[in-house]
Full PDB file with SEQRES, HELIX, SHEET, SSBOND, CRYST1, ORIGX, SCALE, CONECT and MASTER records, all heavy atoms in Angstrom:
SEQRES   1 A   36  ALA LYS ASN THR VAL TYR LEU GLN MET ASN SER LEU LYS          
SEQRES   2 A   36  PRO GLU ASP THR ALA VAL TYR TYR CYS LYS TYR TYR GLY          
SEQRES   3 A   36  LEU GLY ARG ASN TYR TRP GLY GLN GLY THR                      
HELIX    1 AA1 PRO A   14  ASP A   16  5                                   3    
SHEET    1 AA1 2 LYS A  23  TYR A  25  0                                        
SHEET    2 AA1 2 ASN A  30  TRP A  32 -1                                        
CRYST1    1.000    1.000    1.000  90.00  90.00  90.00 P 1           1          
ORIGX1      1.000000  0.000000  0.000000        0.00000                         
ORIGX2      0.000000  1.000000  0.000000        0.00000                         
ORIGX3      0.000000  0.000000  1.000000        0.00000                         
SCALE1      1.000000  0.000000  0.000000        0.00000                         
SCALE2      0.000000  1.000000  0.000000        0.00000                         
SCALE3      0.000000  0.000000  1.000000        0.00000                         
ATOM      1  N   ALA A   1     110.586  85.218 112.430  1.00  0.00           N  
ATOM      2  CA  ALA A   1     111.683  84.836 113.330  1.00  0.00           C  
ATOM      3  C   ALA A   1     113.035  85.279 112.777  1.00  0.00           C  
ATOM      4  O   ALA A   1     113.978  85.495 113.537  1.00  0.00           O  
ATOM      5  CB  ALA A   1     111.676  83.338 113.552  1.00  0.00           C  
ATOM      6  N   LYS A   2     113.100  85.409 111.453  1.00  0.00           N  
ATOM      7  CA  LYS A   2     114.348  85.823 110.797  1.00  0.00           C  
ATOM      8  C   LYS A   2     114.288  87.257 110.283  1.00  0.00           C  
ATOM      9  O   LYS A   2     115.228  87.724 109.634  1.00  0.00           O  
ATOM     10  CB  LYS A   2     114.671  84.885 109.636  1.00  0.00           C  
ATOM     11  CG  LYS A   2     114.950  83.453 110.061  1.00  0.00           C  
ATOM     12  CD  LYS A   2     115.308  82.597 108.863  1.00  0.00           C  
ATOM     13  CE  LYS A   2     115.631  81.164 109.298  1.00  0.00           C  
ATOM     14  NZ  LYS A   2     115.982  80.299 108.138  1.00  0.00           N  
ATOM     15  N   ASN A   3     113.182  87.944 110.542  1.00  0.00           N  
ATOM     16  CA  ASN A   3     113.019  89.316 110.036  1.00  0.00           C  
ATOM     17  C   ASN A   3     113.268  89.399 108.533  1.00  0.00           C  
ATOM     18  O   ASN A   3     113.910  90.330 108.038  1.00  0.00           O  
ATOM     19  CB  ASN A   3     113.978  90.285 110.750  1.00  0.00           C  
ATOM     20  CG  ASN A   3     113.395  90.842 112.039  1.00  0.00           C  
ATOM     21  OD1 ASN A   3     112.502  90.249 112.635  1.00  0.00           O  
ATOM     22  ND2 ASN A   3     113.905  91.980 112.478  1.00  0.00           N  
ATOM     23  N   THR A   4     112.754  88.433 107.816  1.00  0.00           N  
ATOM     24  CA  THR A   4     113.053  88.318 106.381  1.00  0.00           C  
ATOM     25  C   THR A   4     111.782  88.111 105.572  1.00  0.00           C  
ATOM     26  O   THR A   4     110.898  87.350 105.977  1.00  0.00           O  
ATOM     27  CB  THR A   4     114.034  87.161 106.126  1.00  0.00           C  
ATOM     28  OG1 THR A   4     115.243  87.409 106.853  1.00  0.00           O  
ATOM     29  CG2 THR A   4     114.378  87.046 104.645  1.00  0.00           C  
ATOM     30  N   VAL A   5     111.735  88.793 104.440  1.00  0.00           N  
ATOM     31  CA  VAL A   5     110.665  88.588 103.467  1.00  0.00           C  
ATOM     32  C   VAL A   5     111.288  88.025 102.194  1.00  0.00           C  
ATOM     33  O   VAL A   5     112.430  88.365 101.846  1.00  0.00           O  
ATOM     34  CB  VAL A   5     109.897  89.902 103.184  1.00  0.00           C  
ATOM     35  CG1 VAL A   5     110.804  90.964 102.571  1.00  0.00           C  
ATOM     36  CG2 VAL A   5     108.688  89.654 102.307  1.00  0.00           C  
ATOM     37  N   TYR A   6     110.555  87.144 101.543  1.00  0.00           N  
ATOM     38  CA  TYR A   6     111.048  86.449 100.355  1.00  0.00           C  
ATOM     39  C   TYR A   6     110.136  86.715  99.166  1.00  0.00           C  
ATOM     40  O   TYR A   6     108.949  86.989  99.318  1.00  0.00           O  
ATOM     41  CB  TYR A   6     111.110  84.943 100.597  1.00  0.00           C  
ATOM     42  CG  TYR A   6     111.919  84.537 101.795  1.00  0.00           C  
ATOM     43  CD1 TYR A   6     111.310  84.271 103.021  1.00  0.00           C  
ATOM     44  CD2 TYR A   6     113.302  84.405 101.706  1.00  0.00           C  
ATOM     45  CE1 TYR A   6     112.053  83.900 104.125  1.00  0.00           C  
ATOM     46  CE2 TYR A   6     114.057  84.029 102.801  1.00  0.00           C  
ATOM     47  CZ  TYR A   6     113.428  83.784 104.012  1.00  0.00           C  
ATOM     48  OH  TYR A   6     114.171  83.410 105.107  1.00  0.00           O  
ATOM     49  N   LEU A   7     110.717  86.582  97.990  1.00  0.00           N  
ATOM     50  CA  LEU A   7     109.933  86.599  96.762  1.00  0.00           C  
ATOM     51  C   LEU A   7     110.425  85.434  95.906  1.00  0.00           C  
ATOM     52  O   LEU A   7     111.524  85.486  95.357  1.00  0.00           O  
ATOM     53  CB  LEU A   7     110.069  87.918  96.003  1.00  0.00           C  
ATOM     54  CG  LEU A   7     109.167  88.046  94.778  1.00  0.00           C  
ATOM     55  CD1 LEU A   7     107.695  88.119  95.209  1.00  0.00           C  
ATOM     56  CD2 LEU A   7     109.533  89.275  93.942  1.00  0.00           C  
ATOM     57  N   GLN A   8     109.623  84.391  95.850  1.00  0.00           N  
ATOM     58  CA  GLN A   8     109.926  83.256  94.987  1.00  0.00           C  
ATOM     59  C   GLN A   8     109.384  83.553  93.603  1.00  0.00           C  
ATOM     60  O   GLN A   8     108.185  83.789  93.443  1.00  0.00           O  
ATOM     61  CB  GLN A   8     109.293  81.980  95.544  1.00  0.00           C  
ATOM     62  CG  GLN A   8     109.504  80.752  94.687  1.00  0.00           C  
ATOM     63  CD  GLN A   8     110.966  80.322  94.632  1.00  0.00           C  
ATOM     64  OE1 GLN A   8     111.650  80.304  95.659  1.00  0.00           O  
ATOM     65  NE2 GLN A   8     111.442  79.990  93.441  1.00  0.00           N  
ATOM     66  N   MET A   9     110.255  83.532  92.620  1.00  0.00           N  
ATOM     67  CA  MET A   9     109.874  83.883  91.256  1.00  0.00           C  
ATOM     68  C   MET A   9     110.097  82.676  90.355  1.00  0.00           C  
ATOM     69  O   MET A   9     111.231  82.219  90.193  1.00  0.00           O  
ATOM     70  CB  MET A   9     110.697  85.070  90.764  1.00  0.00           C  
ATOM     71  CG  MET A   9     110.623  86.281  91.681  1.00  0.00           C  
ATOM     72  SD  MET A   9     111.474  87.728  91.017  1.00  0.00           S  
ATOM     73  CE  MET A   9     113.165  87.156  91.050  1.00  0.00           C  
ATOM     74  N   ASN A  10     109.021  82.148  89.821  1.00  0.00           N  
ATOM     75  CA  ASN A  10     109.074  81.006  88.915  1.00  0.00           C  
ATOM     76  C   ASN A  10     108.615  81.411  87.518  1.00  0.00           C  
ATOM     77  O   ASN A  10     107.999  82.454  87.337  1.00  0.00           O  
ATOM     78  CB  ASN A  10     108.183  79.883  89.445  1.00  0.00           C  
ATOM     79  CG  ASN A  10     108.608  79.370  90.803  1.00  0.00           C  
ATOM     80  OD1 ASN A  10     109.793  79.373  91.141  1.00  0.00           O  
ATOM     81  ND2 ASN A  10     107.646  78.927  91.600  1.00  0.00           N  
ATOM     82  N   SER A  11     108.913  80.571  86.567  1.00  0.00           N  
ATOM     83  CA  SER A  11     108.504  80.815  85.173  1.00  0.00           C  
ATOM     84  C   SER A  11     108.856  82.234  84.737  1.00  0.00           C  
ATOM     85  O   SER A  11     108.025  82.958  84.172  1.00  0.00           O  
ATOM     86  CB  SER A  11     106.993  80.573  85.016  1.00  0.00           C  
ATOM     87  OG  SER A  11     106.653  79.259  85.400  1.00  0.00           O  
ATOM     88  N   LEU A  12     110.069  82.618  85.005  1.00  0.00           N  
ATOM     89  CA  LEU A  12     110.495  83.988  84.721  1.00  0.00           C  
ATOM     90  C   LEU A  12     110.481  84.277  83.234  1.00  0.00           C  
ATOM     91  O   LEU A  12     110.754  83.400  82.399  1.00  0.00           O  
ATOM     92  CB  LEU A  12     111.880  84.238  85.305  1.00  0.00           C  
ATOM     93  CG  LEU A  12     111.882  84.480  86.827  1.00  0.00           C  
ATOM     94  CD1 LEU A  12     113.262  84.251  87.408  1.00  0.00           C  
ATOM     95  CD2 LEU A  12     111.394  85.885  87.131  1.00  0.00           C  
ATOM     96  N   LYS A  13     110.142  85.536  82.933  1.00  0.00           N  
ATOM     97  CA  LYS A  13     110.056  86.002  81.563  1.00  0.00           C  
ATOM     98  C   LYS A  13     111.030  87.169  81.366  1.00  0.00           C  
ATOM     99  O   LYS A  13     111.357  87.867  82.325  1.00  0.00           O  
ATOM    100  CB  LYS A  13     108.635  86.485  81.266  1.00  0.00           C  
ATOM    101  CG  LYS A  13     107.554  85.451  81.518  1.00  0.00           C  
ATOM    102  CD  LYS A  13     106.174  86.048  81.294  1.00  0.00           C  
ATOM    103  CE  LYS A  13     105.085  85.030  81.563  1.00  0.00           C  
ATOM    104  NZ  LYS A  13     103.719  85.621  81.350  1.00  0.00           N  
ATOM    105  N   PRO A  14     111.438  87.415  80.125  1.00  0.00           N  
ATOM    106  CA  PRO A  14     112.334  88.563  79.893  1.00  0.00           C  
ATOM    107  C   PRO A  14     111.746  89.880  80.413  1.00  0.00           C  
ATOM    108  O   PRO A  14     112.504  90.743  80.877  1.00  0.00           O  
ATOM    109  CB  PRO A  14     112.486  88.570  78.375  1.00  0.00           C  
ATOM    110  CG  PRO A  14     112.342  87.130  77.990  1.00  0.00           C  
ATOM    111  CD  PRO A  14     111.295  86.583  78.916  1.00  0.00           C  
ATOM    112  N   GLU A  15     110.441  90.018  80.363  1.00  0.00           N  
ATOM    113  CA  GLU A  15     109.818  91.260  80.846  1.00  0.00           C  
ATOM    114  C   GLU A  15     109.853  91.395  82.366  1.00  0.00           C  
ATOM    115  O   GLU A  15     109.470  92.438  82.895  1.00  0.00           O  
ATOM    116  CB  GLU A  15     108.375  91.379  80.350  1.00  0.00           C  
ATOM    117  CG  GLU A  15     107.511  90.155  80.599  1.00  0.00           C  
ATOM    118  CD  GLU A  15     107.441  89.243  79.374  1.00  0.00           C  
ATOM    119  OE1 GLU A  15     108.495  88.998  78.741  1.00  0.00           O  
ATOM    120  OE2 GLU A  15     106.315  88.764  79.079  1.00  0.00           O  
ATOM    121  N   ASP A  16     110.318  90.375  83.077  1.00  0.00           N  
ATOM    122  CA  ASP A  16     110.518  90.485  84.519  1.00  0.00           C  
ATOM    123  C   ASP A  16     111.864  91.129  84.854  1.00  0.00           C  
ATOM    124  O   ASP A  16     112.148  91.401  86.030  1.00  0.00           O  
ATOM    125  CB  ASP A  16     110.458  89.101  85.179  1.00  0.00           C  
ATOM    126  CG  ASP A  16     109.095  88.457  85.076  1.00  0.00           C  
ATOM    127  OD1 ASP A  16     108.079  89.175  85.267  1.00  0.00           O  
ATOM    128  OD2 ASP A  16     109.028  87.246  84.802  1.00  0.00           O  
ATOM    129  N   THR A  17     112.678  91.365  83.837  1.00  0.00           N  
ATOM    130  CA  THR A  17     113.982  91.990  84.057  1.00  0.00           C  
ATOM    131  C   THR A  17     113.810  93.378  84.659  1.00  0.00           C  
ATOM    132  O   THR A  17     113.081  94.213  84.132  1.00  0.00           O  
ATOM    133  CB  THR A  17     114.758  92.086  82.730  1.00  0.00           C  
ATOM    134  OG1 THR A  17     115.058  90.759  82.272  1.00  0.00           O  
ATOM    135  CG2 THR A  17     116.046  92.868  82.911  1.00  0.00           C  
ATOM    136  N   ALA A  18     114.472  93.610  85.798  1.00  0.00           N  
ATOM    137  CA  ALA A  18     114.339  94.877  86.511  1.00  0.00           C  
ATOM    138  C   ALA A  18     115.239  94.840  87.741  1.00  0.00           C  
ATOM    139  O   ALA A  18     115.775  93.785  88.108  1.00  0.00           O  
ATOM    140  CB  ALA A  18     112.897  95.112  86.954  1.00  0.00           C  
ATOM    141  N   VAL A  19     115.358  95.984  88.368  1.00  0.00           N  
ATOM    142  CA  VAL A  19     115.925  96.034  89.711  1.00  0.00           C  
ATOM    143  C   VAL A  19     114.766  95.855  90.683  1.00  0.00           C  
ATOM    144  O   VAL A  19     113.745  96.556  90.582  1.00  0.00           O  
ATOM    145  CB  VAL A  19     116.658  97.357  89.979  1.00  0.00           C  
ATOM    146  CG1 VAL A  19     117.197  97.384  91.407  1.00  0.00           C  
ATOM    147  CG2 VAL A  19     117.789  97.554  88.978  1.00  0.00           C  
ATOM    148  N   TYR A  20     114.917  94.922  91.588  1.00  0.00           N  
ATOM    149  CA  TYR A  20     113.872  94.617  92.559  1.00  0.00           C  
ATOM    150  C   TYR A  20     114.249  95.206  93.913  1.00  0.00           C  
ATOM    151  O   TYR A  20     115.382  95.046  94.387  1.00  0.00           O  
ATOM    152  CB  TYR A  20     113.687  93.106  92.673  1.00  0.00           C  
ATOM    153  CG  TYR A  20     112.927  92.525  91.500  1.00  0.00           C  
ATOM    154  CD1 TYR A  20     113.509  92.437  90.239  1.00  0.00           C  
ATOM    155  CD2 TYR A  20     111.612  92.075  91.644  1.00  0.00           C  
ATOM    156  CE1 TYR A  20     112.807  91.928  89.158  1.00  0.00           C  
ATOM    157  CE2 TYR A  20     110.905  91.561  90.572  1.00  0.00           C  
ATOM    158  CZ  TYR A  20     111.506  91.491  89.332  1.00  0.00           C  
ATOM    159  OH  TYR A  20     110.804  90.988  88.261  1.00  0.00           O  
ATOM    160  N   TYR A  21     113.267  95.884  94.524  1.00  0.00           N  
ATOM    161  CA  TYR A  21     113.473  96.553  95.805  1.00  0.00           C  
ATOM    162  C   TYR A  21     112.463  96.029  96.827  1.00  0.00           C  
ATOM    163  O   TYR A  21     111.290  95.826  96.489  1.00  0.00           O  
ATOM    164  CB  TYR A  21     113.231  98.054  95.665  1.00  0.00           C  
ATOM    165  CG  TYR A  21     114.131  98.765  94.702  1.00  0.00           C  
ATOM    166  CD1 TYR A  21     113.795  98.880  93.360  1.00  0.00           C  
ATOM    167  CD2 TYR A  21     115.319  99.357  95.139  1.00  0.00           C  
ATOM    168  CE1 TYR A  21     114.615  99.542  92.465  1.00  0.00           C  
ATOM    169  CE2 TYR A  21     116.140 100.027  94.249  1.00  0.00           C  
ATOM    170  CZ  TYR A  21     115.783 100.115  92.919  1.00  0.00           C  
ATOM    171  OH  TYR A  21     116.598 100.782  92.040  1.00  0.00           O  
ATOM    172  N   CYS A  22     112.899  95.863  98.046  1.00  0.00           N  
ATOM    173  CA  CYS A  22     111.926  95.583  99.087  1.00  0.00           C  
ATOM    174  C   CYS A  22     111.596  96.882  99.813  1.00  0.00           C  
ATOM    175  O   CYS A  22     112.413  97.811  99.864  1.00  0.00           O  
ATOM    176  CB  CYS A  22     112.390  94.502 100.048  1.00  0.00           C  
ATOM    177  SG  CYS A  22     113.790  94.928 101.070  1.00  0.00           S  
ATOM    178  N   LYS A  23     110.394  96.926 100.325  1.00  0.00           N  
ATOM    179  CA  LYS A  23     109.893  98.112 101.022  1.00  0.00           C  
ATOM    180  C   LYS A  23     109.311  97.702 102.358  1.00  0.00           C  
ATOM    181  O   LYS A  23     108.572  96.721 102.452  1.00  0.00           O  
ATOM    182  CB  LYS A  23     108.820  98.811 100.189  1.00  0.00           C  
ATOM    183  CG  LYS A  23     108.253 100.075 100.825  1.00  0.00           C  
ATOM    184  CD  LYS A  23     107.236 100.727  99.911  1.00  0.00           C  
ATOM    185  CE  LYS A  23     106.637 101.974 100.518  1.00  0.00           C  
ATOM    186  NZ  LYS A  23     105.646 102.610  99.616  1.00  0.00           N  
ATOM    187  N   TYR A  24     109.666  98.463 103.358  1.00  0.00           N  
ATOM    188  CA  TYR A  24     109.210  98.256 104.732  1.00  0.00           C  
ATOM    189  C   TYR A  24     108.236  99.385 105.033  1.00  0.00           C  
ATOM    190  O   TYR A  24     108.612 100.563 105.045  1.00  0.00           O  
ATOM    191  CB  TYR A  24     110.429  98.308 105.639  1.00  0.00           C  
ATOM    192  CG  TYR A  24     110.230  98.182 107.125  1.00  0.00           C  
ATOM    193  CD1 TYR A  24     110.617  97.023 107.781  1.00  0.00           C  
ATOM    194  CD2 TYR A  24     109.750  99.234 107.890  1.00  0.00           C  
ATOM    195  CE1 TYR A  24     110.515  96.908 109.162  1.00  0.00           C  
ATOM    196  CE2 TYR A  24     109.631  99.133 109.259  1.00  0.00           C  
ATOM    197  CZ  TYR A  24     110.028  97.975 109.890  1.00  0.00           C  
ATOM    198  OH  TYR A  24     109.926  97.864 111.252  1.00  0.00           O  
ATOM    199  N   TYR A  25     106.970  99.031 105.241  1.00  0.00           N  
ATOM    200  CA  TYR A  25     105.942 100.034 105.505  1.00  0.00           C  
ATOM    201  C   TYR A  25     105.967 100.329 107.005  1.00  0.00           C  
ATOM    202  O   TYR A  25     105.258  99.707 107.795  1.00  0.00           O  
ATOM    203  CB  TYR A  25     104.564  99.514 105.094  1.00  0.00           C  
ATOM    204  CG  TYR A  25     104.392  99.334 103.608  1.00  0.00           C  
ATOM    205  CD1 TYR A  25     104.942  98.237 102.949  1.00  0.00           C  
ATOM    206  CD2 TYR A  25     103.656 100.244 102.854  1.00  0.00           C  
ATOM    207  CE1 TYR A  25     104.777  98.066 101.580  1.00  0.00           C  
ATOM    208  CE2 TYR A  25     103.484 100.076 101.493  1.00  0.00           C  
ATOM    209  CZ  TYR A  25     104.050  98.982 100.868  1.00  0.00           C  
ATOM    210  OH  TYR A  25     103.884  98.807  99.511  1.00  0.00           O  
ATOM    211  N   GLY A  26     106.826 101.277 107.373  1.00  0.00           N  
ATOM    212  CA  GLY A  26     107.041 101.558 108.776  1.00  0.00           C  
ATOM    213  C   GLY A  26     105.881 102.270 109.444  1.00  0.00           C  
ATOM    214  O   GLY A  26     104.937 102.722 108.804  1.00  0.00           O  
ATOM    215  N   LEU A  27     105.975 102.375 110.743  1.00  0.00           N  
ATOM    216  CA  LEU A  27     104.915 102.987 111.529  1.00  0.00           C  
ATOM    217  C   LEU A  27     104.899 104.504 111.370  1.00  0.00           C  
ATOM    218  O   LEU A  27     103.866 105.149 111.526  1.00  0.00           O  
ATOM    219  CB  LEU A  27     105.078 102.591 113.002  1.00  0.00           C  
ATOM    220  CG  LEU A  27     105.103 101.072 113.254  1.00  0.00           C  
ATOM    221  CD1 LEU A  27     105.303 100.784 114.736  1.00  0.00           C  
ATOM    222  CD2 LEU A  27     103.825 100.421 112.744  1.00  0.00           C  
ATOM    223  N   GLY A  28     106.052 105.087 111.078  1.00  0.00           N  
ATOM    224  CA  GLY A  28     106.091 106.520 110.882  1.00  0.00           C  
ATOM    225  C   GLY A  28     106.619 106.927 109.520  1.00  0.00           C  
ATOM    226  O   GLY A  28     106.352 108.020 109.026  1.00  0.00           O  
ATOM    227  N   ARG A  29     107.344 106.032 108.900  1.00  0.00           N  
ATOM    228  CA  ARG A  29     107.902 106.282 107.579  1.00  0.00           C  
ATOM    229  C   ARG A  29     108.183 104.941 106.912  1.00  0.00           C  
ATOM    230  O   ARG A  29     108.156 103.902 107.557  1.00  0.00           O  
ATOM    231  CB  ARG A  29     109.184 107.110 107.665  1.00  0.00           C  
ATOM    232  CG  ARG A  29     110.275 106.496 108.525  1.00  0.00           C  
ATOM    233  CD  ARG A  29     111.635 107.086 108.280  1.00  0.00           C  
ATOM    234  NE  ARG A  29     112.181 106.641 107.001  1.00  0.00           N  
ATOM    235  CZ  ARG A  29     113.409 106.935 106.610  1.00  0.00           C  
ATOM    236  NH1 ARG A  29     114.193 107.683 107.372  1.00  0.00           N  
ATOM    237  NH2 ARG A  29     113.852 106.494 105.439  1.00  0.00           N  
ATOM    238  N   ASN A  30     108.455 104.997 105.624  1.00  0.00           N  
ATOM    239  CA  ASN A  30     108.776 103.789 104.865  1.00  0.00           C  
ATOM    240  C   ASN A  30     110.276 103.710 104.613  1.00  0.00           C  
ATOM    241  O   ASN A  30     110.964 104.725 104.574  1.00  0.00           O  
ATOM    242  CB  ASN A  30     108.033 103.793 103.534  1.00  0.00           C  
ATOM    243  CG  ASN A  30     106.532 103.834 103.718  1.00  0.00           C  
ATOM    244  OD1 ASN A  30     105.995 103.224 104.634  1.00  0.00           O  
ATOM    245  ND2 ASN A  30     105.845 104.577 102.856  1.00  0.00           N  
ATOM    246  N   TYR A  31     110.751 102.488 104.428  1.00  0.00           N  
ATOM    247  CA  TYR A  31     112.166 102.265 104.157  1.00  0.00           C  
ATOM    248  C   TYR A  31     112.304 101.390 102.911  1.00  0.00           C  
ATOM    249  O   TYR A  31     111.462 100.530 102.655  1.00  0.00           O  
ATOM    250  CB  TYR A  31     112.844 101.557 105.335  1.00  0.00           C  
ATOM    251  CG  TYR A  31     112.824 102.356 106.623  1.00  0.00           C  
ATOM    252  CD1 TYR A  31     111.744 102.270 107.485  1.00  0.00           C  
ATOM    253  CD2 TYR A  31     113.881 103.196 106.949  1.00  0.00           C  
ATOM    254  CE1 TYR A  31     111.710 103.004 108.657  1.00  0.00           C  
ATOM    255  CE2 TYR A  31     113.863 103.926 108.129  1.00  0.00           C  
ATOM    256  CZ  TYR A  31     112.774 103.827 108.975  1.00  0.00           C  
ATOM    257  OH  TYR A  31     112.754 104.564 110.138  1.00  0.00           O  
ATOM    258  N   TRP A  32     113.408 101.612 102.190  1.00  0.00           N  
ATOM    259  CA  TRP A  32     113.678 100.869 100.960  1.00  0.00           C  
ATOM    260  C   TRP A  32     115.020 100.164 101.054  1.00  0.00           C  
ATOM    261  O   TRP A  32     115.966 100.688 101.645  1.00  0.00           O  
ATOM    262  CB  TRP A  32     113.723 101.808  99.764  1.00  0.00           C  
ATOM    263  CG  TRP A  32     112.404 102.402  99.402  1.00  0.00           C  
ATOM    264  CD1 TRP A  32     111.882 103.576  99.861  1.00  0.00           C  
ATOM    265  CD2 TRP A  32     111.449 101.872  98.485  1.00  0.00           C  
ATOM    266  NE1 TRP A  32     110.655 103.807  99.291  1.00  0.00           N  
ATOM    267  CE2 TRP A  32     110.355 102.771  98.436  1.00  0.00           C  
ATOM    268  CE3 TRP A  32     111.399 100.724  97.699  1.00  0.00           C  
ATOM    269  CZ2 TRP A  32     109.234 102.550  97.632  1.00  0.00           C  
ATOM    270  CZ3 TRP A  32     110.291 100.509  96.897  1.00  0.00           C  
ATOM    271  CH2 TRP A  32     109.223 101.413  96.867  1.00  0.00           C  
ATOM    272  N   GLY A  33     115.092  98.991 100.428  1.00  0.00           N  
ATOM    273  CA  GLY A  33     116.366  98.338 100.270  1.00  0.00           C  
ATOM    274  C   GLY A  33     117.145  98.959  99.132  1.00  0.00           C  
ATOM    275  O   GLY A  33     116.656  99.838  98.422  1.00  0.00           O  
ATOM    276  N   GLN A  34     118.361  98.457  98.928  1.00  0.00           N  
ATOM    277  CA  GLN A  34     119.254  99.042  97.920  1.00  0.00           C  
ATOM    278  C   GLN A  34     118.965  98.522  96.519  1.00  0.00           C  
ATOM    279  O   GLN A  34     119.441  99.094  95.537  1.00  0.00           O  
ATOM    280  CB  GLN A  34     120.718  98.757  98.287  1.00  0.00           C  
ATOM    281  CG  GLN A  34     121.231  97.365  97.908  1.00  0.00           C  
ATOM    282  CD  GLN A  34     120.738  96.261  98.829  1.00  0.00           C  
ATOM    283  OE1 GLN A  34     120.026  96.507  99.813  1.00  0.00           O  
ATOM    284  NE2 GLN A  34     121.123  95.023  98.519  1.00  0.00           N  
ATOM    285  N   GLY A  35     118.192  97.465  96.433  1.00  0.00           N  
ATOM    286  CA  GLY A  35     117.841  96.897  95.144  1.00  0.00           C  
ATOM    287  C   GLY A  35     118.754  95.750  94.745  1.00  0.00           C  
ATOM    288  O   GLY A  35     119.934  95.729  95.090  1.00  0.00           O  
ATOM    289  N   THR A  36     118.179  94.812  94.027  1.00  0.00           N  
ATOM    290  CA  THR A  36     118.952  93.694  93.491  1.00  0.00           C  
ATOM    291  C   THR A  36     118.514  93.464  92.050  1.00  0.00           C  
ATOM    292  O   THR A  36     117.323  93.470  91.738  1.00  0.00           O  
ATOM    293  CB  THR A  36     118.772  92.424  94.353  1.00  0.00           C  
ATOM    294  OG1 THR A  36     119.630  91.391  93.876  1.00  0.00           O  
ATOM    295  CG2 THR A  36     117.333  91.923  94.360  1.00  0.00           C  
TER     296      THR A  36                                                      
MASTER        0    0    0    1    2    0    0    6  295    1    0    3          
END                                                                             
């Protein structure tokens, strides 16, 4: 309903440090977010 995907991250570790990107698996092509 909100066109939104979430990633709840618990018990985070230093090795989880990264830029996180969402990906939309489109019908003809894929799309990427800008990263956070």
